[in-house]
Protein backbone atom coordinates (compact mmCIF):
# COMPACT_ATOMS: atom_id res chain seq x y z
CA UNK A 1 138.74 98.22 113.21
CA UNK A 2 140.87 101.62 113.28
CA UNK A 3 139.07 104.28 115.18
CA UNK A 4 138.84 107.49 113.69
CA UNK A 5 140.19 110.72 115.60
CA UNK A 6 139.47 113.01 113.30
CA UNK A 7 136.94 115.05 115.78
CA UNK A 8 134.53 116.72 113.45
CA UNK A 9 133.39 113.58 111.58
CA UNK A 10 133.61 111.53 114.72
CA UNK A 11 131.44 114.20 116.16
CA UNK A 12 128.92 113.94 113.48
CA UNK A 13 129.14 110.44 113.05
CA UNK A 14 127.82 110.33 116.78
CA UNK A 15 125.11 112.56 116.28
CA UNK A 16 124.13 110.35 113.01
CA UNK A 17 123.98 107.46 115.19
CA UNK A 18 122.19 109.05 118.00
CA UNK A 19 119.42 110.40 115.81
CA UNK A 20 118.78 107.42 113.60
CA UNK A 21 118.49 104.89 117.15
CA UNK A 22 115.84 107.07 118.25
CA UNK A 23 113.64 106.42 115.44
CA UNK A 24 114.65 103.05 114.67
CA UNK A 25 112.23 100.32 114.93
CA UNK A 26 114.28 97.53 116.70
CA UNK A 27 113.73 95.28 119.90
CA UNK A 28 115.89 95.26 122.72
CA UNK A 29 117.81 98.51 123.91
CA UNK A 30 120.84 99.61 122.00
CA UNK A 31 123.82 102.03 122.58
CA UNK A 32 125.85 103.72 120.23
CA UNK A 33 129.24 102.21 119.94
CA UNK A 34 132.66 103.93 118.83
CA UNK A 35 132.87 105.24 115.18
CA UNK A 36 135.60 103.65 112.81
CA UNK A 37 136.34 104.39 109.13
CA UNK A 38 136.26 101.51 107.52
CA UNK A 39 133.52 98.63 107.09
CA UNK A 40 133.71 97.20 110.34
CA UNK A 41 134.71 93.26 110.41
CA UNK A 42 131.45 92.32 112.64
CA UNK A 43 128.08 93.49 110.67
CA UNK A 44 124.68 92.34 111.34
CA UNK A 45 123.32 89.52 109.27
CA UNK A 46 119.99 91.40 107.93
CA UNK A 47 119.71 93.93 105.23
CA UNK A 48 121.41 97.20 104.37
CA UNK A 49 118.56 100.38 103.69
CA UNK A 50 120.17 102.76 101.77
CA UNK A 51 119.61 106.27 100.37
CA UNK A 52 121.72 109.33 99.01
CA UNK A 53 121.01 113.01 99.87
CA UNK A 54 121.86 116.60 99.05
CA UNK A 55 121.55 120.07 100.89
CA UNK A 56 124.18 121.30 103.44
CA UNK A 57 126.28 118.25 102.06
CA UNK A 58 126.13 115.84 99.40
CA UNK A 59 126.40 111.84 100.17
CA UNK A 60 124.87 108.78 101.40
CA UNK A 61 123.60 107.36 104.53
CA UNK A 62 123.25 103.55 105.08
CA UNK A 63 121.64 101.40 108.08
CA UNK A 64 122.14 97.96 108.62
CA UNK A 65 119.31 96.23 110.49
CA UNK A 66 119.01 92.74 111.75
CA UNK A 67 117.17 89.80 110.74
CA UNK A 68 114.70 90.36 113.65
CA UNK A 69 113.36 93.25 112.63
CA UNK A 70 113.37 92.27 108.47
CA UNK A 71 111.25 88.92 109.78
CA UNK A 72 108.86 91.01 112.03
CA UNK A 73 107.97 93.10 109.04
CA UNK A 74 107.40 90.22 106.76
CA UNK A 75 105.07 88.42 109.35
CA UNK A 76 103.12 91.56 110.91
CA UNK A 77 99.57 90.73 111.65
CA UNK A 78 98.37 93.19 108.96
CA UNK A 79 100.76 91.50 106.41
CA UNK A 80 104.03 92.05 104.88
CA UNK A 81 105.48 95.99 105.60
CA UNK A 82 108.20 97.39 103.62
CA UNK A 83 111.24 97.37 104.98
CA UNK A 84 112.88 100.77 103.43
CA UNK A 85 109.53 102.72 104.82
CA UNK A 86 109.97 101.41 108.46
CA UNK A 87 113.80 102.54 108.24
CA UNK A 88 113.34 105.96 106.31
CA UNK A 89 112.50 107.93 109.12
CA UNK A 90 116.02 106.91 110.80
CA UNK A 91 117.96 107.19 107.51
CA UNK A 92 116.24 110.91 107.44
CA UNK A 93 117.31 111.60 111.11
CA UNK A 94 120.86 110.30 110.89
CA UNK A 95 121.53 112.72 107.50
CA UNK A 96 119.47 115.67 109.18
CA UNK A 97 122.47 115.81 111.69
CA UNK A 98 124.28 117.49 109.07
CA UNK A 99 122.16 119.90 108.42
CA UNK A 100 119.08 120.40 106.27
CA UNK A 101 119.01 117.96 103.35
CA UNK A 102 116.65 116.40 100.66
CA UNK A 103 116.97 112.75 100.50
CA UNK A 104 116.03 110.36 97.55
CA UNK A 105 114.29 107.09 97.95
CA UNK A 106 115.66 104.32 99.65
CA UNK A 107 116.52 101.26 98.66
CA UNK A 108 117.27 98.08 100.68
CA UNK A 109 120.43 95.74 99.69
CA UNK A 110 122.73 93.08 101.01
CA UNK A 111 124.48 94.64 103.63
CA UNK A 112 128.27 93.88 102.14
CA UNK A 113 127.02 95.74 98.47
CA UNK A 114 125.49 98.80 100.53
CA UNK A 115 128.33 99.33 102.96
CA UNK A 116 131.06 98.83 100.24
CA UNK A 117 129.56 101.01 97.74
CA UNK A 118 129.43 103.93 100.52
CA UNK A 119 132.98 103.40 101.80
CA UNK A 120 134.03 103.76 97.95
CA UNK A 121 132.04 107.63 97.78
CA UNK A 122 134.75 109.06 100.36
CA UNK A 123 135.74 109.38 103.92
CA UNK A 124 132.90 107.24 105.48
CA UNK A 125 132.01 106.81 109.15
CA UNK A 126 130.50 103.61 110.19
CA UNK A 127 129.04 103.24 113.90
CA UNK A 128 127.79 100.41 115.55
CA UNK A 129 124.57 100.07 117.71
CA UNK A 130 125.09 97.49 120.47
CA UNK A 131 123.44 95.42 122.70
CA UNK A 132 125.27 93.75 125.54
CA UNK A 133 128.64 94.42 123.29
CA UNK A 134 127.09 92.48 120.54
CA UNK A 135 126.73 94.48 117.07
CA UNK A 136 122.97 94.50 116.33
CA UNK A 137 122.80 97.26 113.85
CA UNK A 138 125.09 99.39 112.14
CA UNK A 139 124.76 103.36 110.85
CA UNK A 140 127.04 104.29 107.96
CA UNK A 141 127.14 107.84 106.49
CA UNK A 142 129.78 109.63 103.81
CA UNK A 143 129.48 113.13 103.15
CA UNK A 144 130.97 115.91 100.83
CA UNK A 145 131.97 118.17 102.41
CA UNK A 146 131.65 117.02 106.16
CA UNK A 147 130.19 120.60 107.84
CA UNK A 148 131.28 121.50 111.56
CA UNK A 149 129.60 119.06 114.00
CA UNK A 150 126.51 120.62 116.28
CA UNK A 151 127.34 121.19 119.93
CA UNK A 152 125.16 118.76 121.06
CA UNK A 153 123.99 115.59 119.88
CA UNK A 154 120.18 114.40 120.50
CA UNK A 155 119.05 112.68 123.11
CA UNK A 156 117.71 108.89 122.82
CA UNK A 157 114.27 107.79 124.18
CA UNK A 158 113.58 104.71 125.52
CA UNK A 159 113.59 101.38 123.10
CA UNK A 160 110.81 99.47 122.05
CA UNK A 161 110.55 96.02 122.06
CA UNK A 162 108.25 93.56 120.55
CA UNK A 163 105.59 94.22 118.39
CA UNK A 164 105.94 97.97 119.49
CA UNK A 165 108.80 98.54 117.41
CA UNK A 166 106.53 98.50 114.39
CA UNK A 167 104.06 100.93 115.94
CA UNK A 168 105.28 103.85 114.04
CA UNK A 169 105.65 102.28 110.47
CA UNK A 170 103.26 104.09 107.87
CA UNK A 171 100.93 102.18 106.42
CA UNK A 172 98.38 102.84 103.31
CA UNK A 173 94.62 102.49 104.14
CA UNK A 174 92.40 102.22 101.41
CA UNK A 175 88.30 102.06 101.48
CA UNK A 176 86.81 99.69 99.16
CA UNK A 177 83.33 100.10 98.04
CA UNK A 178 82.77 96.82 95.82
CA UNK A 179 84.84 95.15 93.09
CA UNK A 180 83.60 93.93 89.59
CA UNK A 181 85.52 92.36 86.46
CA UNK A 182 85.58 93.57 82.88
CA UNK A 183 87.01 92.48 79.88
CA UNK A 184 89.54 95.19 77.88
CA UNK A 185 86.84 95.45 75.49
CA UNK A 186 84.36 97.01 78.00
CA UNK A 187 86.94 99.04 79.91
CA UNK A 188 87.96 100.86 76.77
CA UNK A 189 84.14 101.72 75.98
CA UNK A 190 84.08 103.42 79.50
CA UNK A 191 83.19 107.36 78.98
CA UNK A 192 82.26 109.98 81.29
CA UNK A 193 78.35 109.27 82.74
CA UNK A 194 78.89 105.30 82.57
CA UNK A 195 77.75 103.13 85.28
CA UNK A 196 79.67 100.56 86.82
CA UNK A 197 77.96 97.67 88.47
CA UNK A 198 79.76 96.72 91.69
CA UNK A 199 79.26 93.18 93.35
CA UNK A 200 78.00 94.97 96.41
CA UNK A 201 74.46 95.81 97.07
CA UNK A 202 73.41 99.25 98.03
CA UNK A 203 73.88 99.84 101.77
CA UNK A 204 76.15 97.22 102.18
CA UNK A 205 79.26 97.38 104.52
CA UNK A 206 82.35 99.16 103.26
CA UNK A 207 85.59 96.97 103.72
CA UNK A 208 88.78 99.03 105.18
CA UNK A 209 91.95 97.74 103.93
CA UNK A 210 95.53 98.33 104.98
CA UNK A 211 98.49 97.80 102.64
CA UNK A 212 95.59 95.46 101.09
CA UNK A 213 94.78 93.22 103.90
CA UNK A 214 91.06 93.52 104.91
CA UNK A 215 91.04 94.44 108.57
CA UNK A 216 87.56 95.82 108.96
CA UNK A 217 84.17 96.86 107.61
CA UNK A 218 82.13 100.24 108.14
CA UNK A 219 79.65 102.51 106.76
CA UNK A 220 80.19 105.70 105.19
CA UNK A 221 79.77 109.10 106.80
CA UNK A 222 80.03 112.48 106.12
CA UNK A 223 82.91 114.68 108.26
CA UNK A 224 83.32 118.32 107.56
CA UNK A 225 81.99 117.99 103.78
CA UNK A 226 85.04 114.97 103.69
CA UNK A 227 83.71 111.30 103.42
CA UNK A 228 84.83 108.85 106.38
CA UNK A 229 84.22 105.41 107.50
CA UNK A 230 82.62 104.55 110.87
CA UNK A 231 83.65 101.27 111.89
CA UNK A 232 80.83 98.56 112.35
CA UNK A 233 82.85 95.18 112.49
CA UNK A 234 86.62 94.40 113.07
CA UNK A 235 87.56 91.28 111.00
CA UNK A 236 89.95 88.81 112.51
CA UNK A 237 92.85 88.05 110.72
CA UNK A 238 92.24 84.38 109.66
CA UNK A 239 88.58 85.49 108.79
CA UNK A 240 88.17 85.32 104.94
CA UNK A 241 87.07 87.92 102.44
CA UNK A 242 83.70 87.43 101.75
């Protein structure tokens, strides 16, 4: 691997990697390695999450995460979690090292595909994230133009491990009053004022679902003119829905 000696891009790449590392869910304690100009020969097995951005500069950022994070998201106690949403904050932090930006939705691809496409877009920088000298993740960045680097890089907080690596992942929480089944004919006949009977008796608990998975039940309450749910029961992960 050839180390880049162009100071502005090196400084920006280091800033971007430090910012991404602060928000990247990962086990272990990682440190930022030396930026290089070409796709490194050592890339962690896992997935690449890529997104384009525009603003102070136009470009693309990618983060390759290890298979341990991919597996942890798939096997979360709350069901399978979205890898792109888990890595999105780290992507945005890396790109913001270049200045104010607007980011497109992220996509997960194979590492060789994502890094190869980014390298073909211009003067890209690749920064390994190391644990005991072993590459565990990778931050890649390309910009047009590369702006002047900031005077100081952001600090990196203490790393999280185990289940804590998932604590900052956002999920969709839904309250469900009940369900029913209808034919297409019945759906097409609906009009304002129609009443749809659900499979719940009046006064029955409301289900609380996270990413479609039942986690709790409760009762509807009103808080400052908004509806809320007071939790009355936590549903064990192995319990079947009644």
